[in-house]
Amino acid sequence: MNICFQKIDDICEKYNLEKIKTIGDSYMVAGGIPTPNLTNPIDAIKAAIEMQTFIEQRHKKLIAKGETYWRMRTGIHTGPAVAGVIGTKKFVYDIWGDTVNTASRMESACEPGRVNISEATYHLVKKEFNCTSRGEIEVKGKGKIGMYFVER
């Protein structure tokens, strides 16, 4: 996993994304923080595609060798979030809010090896990427949300 996370760290740096945290085999990043910018939805998708490409290539190599592997699901949503330092004993920089929760639902509703984006993100990036509508999908605590797969 360290090999994968090191590569993902490099990709995040390349696309000016902020690593928020890792939890087990999950890796959370955000665009547009701490410095807001207008390209973060595009940057996030470019990074997600590069991450997925790396993980899928690694997956194929490991299968061929009969070794253990894991695949990745990616969920992206765009909107306002709150960021700050949490705690008084062990300080942690974190983000929270409805945007973060919706991004998490995009990941949960994704298929391995794919990049799943919300309809809100789709409207910001549709001129840059080919996307396939998945229709509206029921998500926990939010009802139905329009989703799209980004095609590589």
Protein backbone atom coordinates (compact mmCIF):
# COMPACT_ATOMS: atom_id res chain seq x y z
CA MET A 1 0.00 0.00 0.00
CA ASN A 2 2.89 2.36 0.71
CA ILE A 3 4.01 2.10 -2.94
CA CYS A 4 0.52 3.11 -4.06
CA PHE A 5 0.18 5.95 -1.55
CA GLN A 6 3.61 7.34 -2.47
CA LYS A 7 2.56 7.45 -6.14
CA ILE A 8 -0.76 9.06 -5.21
CA ASP A 9 1.13 11.65 -3.13
CA ASP A 10 3.22 12.50 -6.21
CA ILE A 11 0.12 12.78 -8.41
CA CYS A 12 -1.60 15.04 -5.88
CA GLU A 13 1.41 17.33 -5.79
CA LYS A 14 1.49 17.45 -9.61
CA TYR A 15 -2.16 18.60 -9.74
CA ASN A 16 -2.05 20.95 -6.71
CA LEU A 17 -4.38 18.81 -4.62
CA GLU A 18 -4.20 18.80 -0.85
CA LYS A 19 -3.89 15.42 0.88
CA ILE A 20 -6.32 15.52 3.79
CA LYS A 21 -5.88 12.07 5.29
CA THR A 22 -5.59 8.36 4.82
CA ILE A 23 -7.79 5.96 6.73
CA GLY A 24 -6.88 2.34 6.17
CA ASP A 25 -6.85 1.93 2.41
CA SER A 26 -8.76 5.19 1.81
CA TYR A 27 -7.06 8.37 0.66
CA MET A 28 -8.87 11.73 0.81
CA VAL A 29 -7.75 14.78 -1.16
CA ALA A 30 -9.28 18.16 -1.90
CA GLY A 31 -8.73 20.74 -4.59
CA GLY A 32 -8.85 24.48 -4.14
CA ILE A 33 -7.54 24.45 -0.56
CA PRO A 34 -5.78 26.06 1.11
CA THR A 35 -5.54 28.33 -1.98
CA PRO A 36 -8.79 28.60 -3.97
CA ASN A 37 -8.54 28.21 -7.74
CA LEU A 38 -10.90 27.79 -10.68
CA THR A 39 -9.33 24.65 -12.14
CA ASN A 40 -9.67 22.29 -9.17
CA PRO A 41 -12.51 20.16 -10.65
CA ILE A 42 -10.44 19.57 -13.81
CA ASP A 43 -7.26 19.03 -11.79
CA ALA A 44 -9.03 16.52 -9.54
CA ILE A 45 -10.30 14.51 -12.51
CA LYS A 46 -6.91 14.53 -14.25
CA ALA A 47 -5.33 13.32 -11.02
CA ALA A 48 -8.01 10.66 -10.53
CA ILE A 49 -7.47 9.34 -14.06
CA GLU A 50 -3.71 9.19 -13.50
CA MET A 51 -4.19 7.43 -10.15
CA GLN A 52 -6.59 4.91 -11.66
CA THR A 53 -4.22 4.26 -14.55
CA PHE A 54 -1.39 3.54 -12.12
CA ILE A 55 -3.51 1.28 -9.91
CA GLU A 56 -4.98 -0.62 -12.87
CA GLN A 57 -1.55 -1.20 -14.45
CA ARG A 58 -0.25 -2.42 -11.10
CA HIS A 59 -3.33 -4.62 -10.72
CA LYS A 60 -2.63 -6.36 -14.05
CA LYS A 61 1.04 -6.95 -13.17
CA LEU A 62 0.18 -8.39 -9.76
CA ILE A 63 -2.52 -10.69 -11.17
CA ALA A 64 -0.02 -12.01 -13.71
CA LYS A 65 2.40 -12.82 -10.87
CA GLY A 66 -0.33 -14.34 -8.71
CA GLU A 67 0.19 -11.72 -6.01
CA THR A 68 -2.26 -9.86 -3.82
CA TYR A 69 -3.65 -6.64 -5.24
CA TRP A 70 -6.32 -4.07 -4.63
CA ARG A 71 -8.31 -1.83 -6.91
CA MET A 72 -9.51 1.70 -6.43
CA ARG A 73 -12.85 3.53 -6.60
CA THR A 74 -12.81 7.29 -7.05
CA GLY A 75 -15.59 9.73 -6.21
CA ILE A 76 -15.53 13.45 -6.94
CA HIS A 77 -17.97 16.20 -6.01
CA THR A 78 -17.56 19.95 -6.22
CA GLY A 79 -18.80 22.57 -3.78
CA PRO A 80 -18.04 24.50 -0.63
CA ALA A 81 -16.33 22.81 2.30
CA VAL A 82 -15.10 23.88 5.69
CA ALA A 83 -11.42 23.28 6.45
CA GLY A 84 -9.51 23.68 9.65
CA VAL A 85 -7.53 22.17 12.45
CA ILE A 86 -9.44 19.76 14.68
CA GLY A 87 -8.62 18.86 18.27
CA THR A 88 -6.56 20.13 21.15
CA LYS A 89 -4.21 17.21 21.80
CA LYS A 90 -3.34 15.77 18.42
CA PHE A 91 -3.93 18.44 15.81
CA VAL A 92 -5.39 17.25 12.52
CA TYR A 93 -6.14 19.33 9.43
CA ASP A 94 -9.49 18.15 8.11
CA ILE A 95 -12.40 19.14 5.89
CA TRP A 96 -16.09 18.59 6.44
CA GLY A 97 -19.53 19.54 5.21
CA ASP A 98 -22.12 18.37 2.71
CA THR A 99 -19.62 18.53 -0.18
CA VAL A 100 -17.30 16.11 1.61
CA ASN A 101 -20.18 13.76 2.40
CA THR A 102 -21.40 13.84 -1.21
CA ALA A 103 -17.88 13.10 -2.51
CA SER A 104 -17.78 10.10 -0.18
CA ARG A 105 -21.10 8.90 -1.61
CA MET A 106 -19.67 9.27 -5.13
CA GLU A 107 -16.81 6.96 -4.14
CA SER A 108 -19.15 4.43 -2.51
CA ALA A 109 -21.34 4.33 -5.62
CA CYS A 110 -18.35 3.90 -7.95
CA GLU A 111 -17.15 0.72 -9.64
CA PRO A 112 -13.52 -0.36 -9.13
CA GLY A 113 -11.20 1.13 -11.74
CA ARG A 114 -13.57 4.00 -12.55
CA VAL A 115 -13.91 7.71 -11.77
CA ASN A 116 -17.44 8.66 -10.66
CA ILE A 117 -18.45 12.32 -10.54
CA SER A 118 -21.55 14.13 -9.38
CA GLU A 119 -23.81 16.02 -11.72
CA ALA A 120 -22.59 19.28 -10.18
CA THR A 121 -19.00 18.41 -11.11
CA TYR A 122 -20.07 17.16 -14.56
CA HIS A 123 -21.48 20.61 -15.43
CA LEU A 124 -18.11 22.18 -14.58
CA VAL A 125 -15.99 19.75 -16.62
CA LYS A 126 -18.18 18.47 -19.47
CA LYS A 127 -16.22 20.43 -22.10
CA GLU A 128 -12.93 18.86 -20.92
CA PHE A 129 -13.87 15.19 -20.48
CA ASN A 130 -16.05 12.56 -22.11
CA CYS A 131 -18.50 11.33 -19.52
CA THR A 132 -21.24 8.71 -19.51
CA SER A 133 -24.40 9.42 -17.58
CA ARG A 134 -25.32 6.82 -14.98
CA GLY A 135 -28.68 8.46 -14.36
CA GLU A 136 -29.85 9.24 -10.86
CA ILE A 137 -28.64 6.82 -8.22
CA GLU A 138 -29.99 6.54 -4.68
CA VAL A 139 -27.36 7.43 -2.09
CA LYS A 140 -27.45 7.13 1.68
CA GLY A 141 -28.82 10.21 3.39
CA LYS A 142 -29.15 12.25 0.18
CA GLY A 143 -31.77 10.63 -2.05
CA LYS A 144 -31.13 10.37 -5.78
CA ILE A 145 -28.09 12.12 -7.27
CA GLY A 146 -27.12 12.34 -10.92
CA MET A 147 -23.79 10.61 -11.54
CA TYR A 148 -21.38 10.25 -14.45
CA PHE A 149 -18.44 8.02 -15.20
CA VAL A 150 -15.44 9.86 -16.66
CA GLU A 151 -14.19 7.95 -19.69
CA ARG A 152 -10.43 7.55 -20.11
